[in-house]
N, C-alpha and C. Protein backbone atom coordinates (compact mmCIF):
# COMPACT_ATOMS: atom_id res chain seq x y z
N MET A 1 166.64 89.09 105.97
CA MET A 1 166.49 87.69 105.64
C MET A 1 165.76 87.54 104.30
N GLU A 2 166.18 88.29 103.32
CA GLU A 2 165.57 88.21 102.01
C GLU A 2 165.76 86.82 101.42
N ASN A 3 164.69 86.26 100.89
CA ASN A 3 164.70 84.92 100.29
C ASN A 3 165.13 83.83 101.27
N THR A 4 164.87 84.04 102.53
CA THR A 4 165.19 83.04 103.54
C THR A 4 163.90 82.40 104.02
N HIS A 5 163.92 81.09 104.20
CA HIS A 5 162.74 80.39 104.72
C HIS A 5 163.19 79.29 105.67
N PHE A 6 162.31 78.97 106.60
CA PHE A 6 162.61 77.90 107.55
C PHE A 6 162.31 76.57 106.90
N VAL A 7 163.25 75.65 107.05
CA VAL A 7 163.10 74.34 106.42
C VAL A 7 162.91 73.21 107.43
N GLN A 8 163.21 73.50 108.72
CA GLN A 8 163.09 72.45 109.73
C GLN A 8 162.95 73.07 111.11
N LEU A 9 162.12 72.46 111.92
CA LEU A 9 162.01 72.81 113.34
C LEU A 9 162.16 71.53 114.14
N SER A 10 162.88 71.63 115.23
CA SER A 10 163.08 70.49 116.12
C SER A 10 162.89 70.98 117.55
N ALA A 11 162.13 70.25 118.35
CA ALA A 11 161.87 70.66 119.73
C ALA A 11 162.51 69.69 120.70
N LEU A 12 163.15 70.24 121.69
CA LEU A 12 163.71 69.50 122.81
C LEU A 12 163.15 70.14 124.07
N PRO A 13 163.13 69.45 125.20
CA PRO A 13 162.58 70.07 126.41
C PRO A 13 163.25 71.42 126.71
N GLY A 14 162.46 72.48 126.66
CA GLY A 14 162.95 73.83 126.96
C GLY A 14 163.63 74.53 125.81
N TRP A 15 163.71 73.90 124.63
CA TRP A 15 164.43 74.47 123.50
C TRP A 15 163.68 74.20 122.19
N ILE A 16 163.84 75.11 121.25
CA ILE A 16 163.40 74.88 119.87
C ILE A 16 164.57 75.21 118.97
N ILE A 17 164.84 74.34 118.02
CA ILE A 17 165.89 74.57 117.04
C ILE A 17 165.21 74.78 115.69
N GLY A 18 165.50 75.89 115.06
CA GLY A 18 164.98 76.17 113.73
C GLY A 18 166.13 76.26 112.74
N ILE A 19 165.93 75.69 111.56
CA ILE A 19 166.94 75.75 110.51
C ILE A 19 166.35 76.56 109.36
N SER A 20 167.06 77.61 108.98
CA SER A 20 166.63 78.42 107.85
C SER A 20 167.57 78.22 106.68
N HIS A 21 167.08 78.52 105.48
CA HIS A 21 167.90 78.38 104.28
C HIS A 21 167.80 79.64 103.44
N ASN A 22 168.95 80.10 102.99
CA ASN A 22 169.05 81.22 102.08
C ASN A 22 169.86 80.73 100.89
N GLN A 23 169.37 80.95 99.71
CA GLN A 23 170.01 80.43 98.50
C GLN A 23 171.46 80.90 98.36
N HIS A 24 171.76 82.09 98.83
CA HIS A 24 173.10 82.64 98.67
C HIS A 24 174.05 82.23 99.80
N ASP A 25 173.53 82.09 101.02
CA ASP A 25 174.38 81.85 102.18
C ASP A 25 174.37 80.42 102.69
N GLY A 26 173.34 79.66 102.41
CA GLY A 26 173.23 78.29 102.91
C GLY A 26 172.28 78.21 104.09
N TYR A 27 172.58 77.31 105.03
CA TYR A 27 171.71 77.03 106.16
C TYR A 27 172.22 77.71 107.42
N GLN A 28 171.29 78.17 108.25
CA GLN A 28 171.63 78.75 109.54
C GLN A 28 170.79 78.09 110.63
N CYS A 29 171.35 78.06 111.83
CA CYS A 29 170.69 77.48 112.99
C CYS A 29 170.19 78.60 113.90
N TRP A 30 168.95 78.49 114.33
CA TRP A 30 168.34 79.44 115.27
C TRP A 30 167.85 78.64 116.46
N ILE A 31 168.14 79.13 117.66
CA ILE A 31 167.74 78.43 118.87
C ILE A 31 166.88 79.36 119.71
N ILE A 32 165.77 78.84 120.19
CA ILE A 32 164.90 79.58 121.10
C ILE A 32 164.91 78.84 122.43
N ASN A 33 165.29 79.55 123.50
CA ASN A 33 165.35 78.89 124.81
C ASN A 33 164.04 79.07 125.57
N SER A 34 163.98 78.55 126.77
CA SER A 34 162.74 78.59 127.56
C SER A 34 162.36 80.01 127.97
N GLU A 35 163.29 80.94 127.90
CA GLU A 35 163.01 82.35 128.21
C GLU A 35 162.63 83.13 126.96
N LEU A 36 162.46 82.41 125.84
CA LEU A 36 162.08 82.95 124.53
C LEU A 36 163.13 83.87 123.92
N ALA A 37 164.38 83.70 124.33
CA ALA A 37 165.49 84.41 123.70
C ALA A 37 165.87 83.65 122.42
N VAL A 38 166.07 84.38 121.33
CA VAL A 38 166.45 83.77 120.07
C VAL A 38 167.95 83.93 119.89
N LEU A 39 168.63 82.81 119.66
CA LEU A 39 170.07 82.79 119.54
C LEU A 39 170.48 82.27 118.17
N ASN A 40 171.58 82.79 117.66
CA ASN A 40 172.13 82.35 116.38
C ASN A 40 173.64 82.41 116.48
N ASP A 41 174.33 81.39 115.98
CA ASP A 41 175.79 81.38 116.08
C ASP A 41 176.48 82.21 115.00
N GLY A 42 175.74 82.69 114.02
CA GLY A 42 176.30 83.54 112.99
C GLY A 42 176.97 82.80 111.85
N TYR A 43 177.00 81.47 111.91
CA TYR A 43 177.64 80.69 110.87
C TYR A 43 176.63 80.25 109.82
N CYS A 44 177.12 80.01 108.63
CA CYS A 44 176.32 79.42 107.56
C CYS A 44 176.88 78.04 107.28
N TYR A 45 175.98 77.08 107.09
CA TYR A 45 176.36 75.69 106.89
C TYR A 45 175.92 75.23 105.50
N SER A 46 176.63 74.26 104.97
CA SER A 46 176.32 73.79 103.62
C SER A 46 175.13 72.83 103.59
N THR A 47 174.80 72.22 104.74
CA THR A 47 173.66 71.30 104.80
C THR A 47 172.80 71.62 106.02
N SER A 48 171.55 71.22 105.94
CA SER A 48 170.65 71.41 107.08
C SER A 48 171.08 70.51 108.24
N SER A 49 171.63 69.34 107.93
CA SER A 49 172.11 68.43 108.98
C SER A 49 173.23 69.06 109.79
N ALA A 50 174.14 69.74 109.12
CA ALA A 50 175.24 70.40 109.82
C ALA A 50 174.72 71.51 110.72
N ALA A 51 173.74 72.26 110.24
CA ALA A 51 173.15 73.34 111.05
C ALA A 51 172.43 72.76 112.26
N LEU A 52 171.68 71.67 112.07
CA LEU A 52 170.97 71.04 113.17
C LEU A 52 171.95 70.47 114.20
N THR A 53 173.02 69.88 113.74
CA THR A 53 174.05 69.37 114.65
C THR A 53 174.64 70.49 115.48
N ALA A 54 174.87 71.64 114.88
CA ALA A 54 175.40 72.79 115.61
C ALA A 54 174.43 73.21 116.71
N GLY A 55 173.14 73.23 116.41
CA GLY A 55 172.14 73.59 117.41
C GLY A 55 172.09 72.59 118.56
N ARG A 56 172.11 71.32 118.23
CA ARG A 56 172.08 70.29 119.27
C ARG A 56 173.33 70.34 120.13
N THR A 57 174.48 70.58 119.52
CA THR A 57 175.73 70.69 120.26
C THR A 57 175.68 71.86 121.23
N PHE A 58 175.14 72.98 120.77
CA PHE A 58 175.01 74.15 121.64
C PHE A 58 174.16 73.82 122.87
N ILE A 59 173.03 73.17 122.65
CA ILE A 59 172.14 72.82 123.75
C ILE A 59 172.81 71.84 124.70
N GLU A 60 173.49 70.84 124.18
CA GLU A 60 174.19 69.88 125.04
C GLU A 60 175.24 70.57 125.90
N ARG A 61 175.93 71.54 125.35
CA ARG A 61 176.94 72.27 126.12
C ARG A 61 176.32 73.14 127.20
N GLN A 62 175.11 73.60 126.98
CA GLN A 62 174.42 74.39 128.00
C GLN A 62 174.03 73.52 129.19
N HIS A 63 173.76 72.24 128.94
CA HIS A 63 173.40 71.31 130.01
C HIS A 63 174.62 70.73 130.72
N ASN A 64 175.75 70.68 130.03
CA ASN A 64 176.98 70.11 130.57
C ASN A 64 178.15 71.07 130.36
N PRO A 65 178.15 72.21 131.05
CA PRO A 65 179.22 73.20 130.81
C PRO A 65 180.59 72.72 131.24
């Protein structure tokens, strides 16, 4: 994660969404669940909003499979 830094954290009950930014790759979404497992979808997004939306969508799908 060279030159990568976290630009946003968002907390939901039982979940934390972190958005990181890398100048070369763009934004990535990181999710930490209540068991402290760190998850990443492997995609790079052009905006932090798109990355955050991806994280929220993932969490919503976990609650409503």
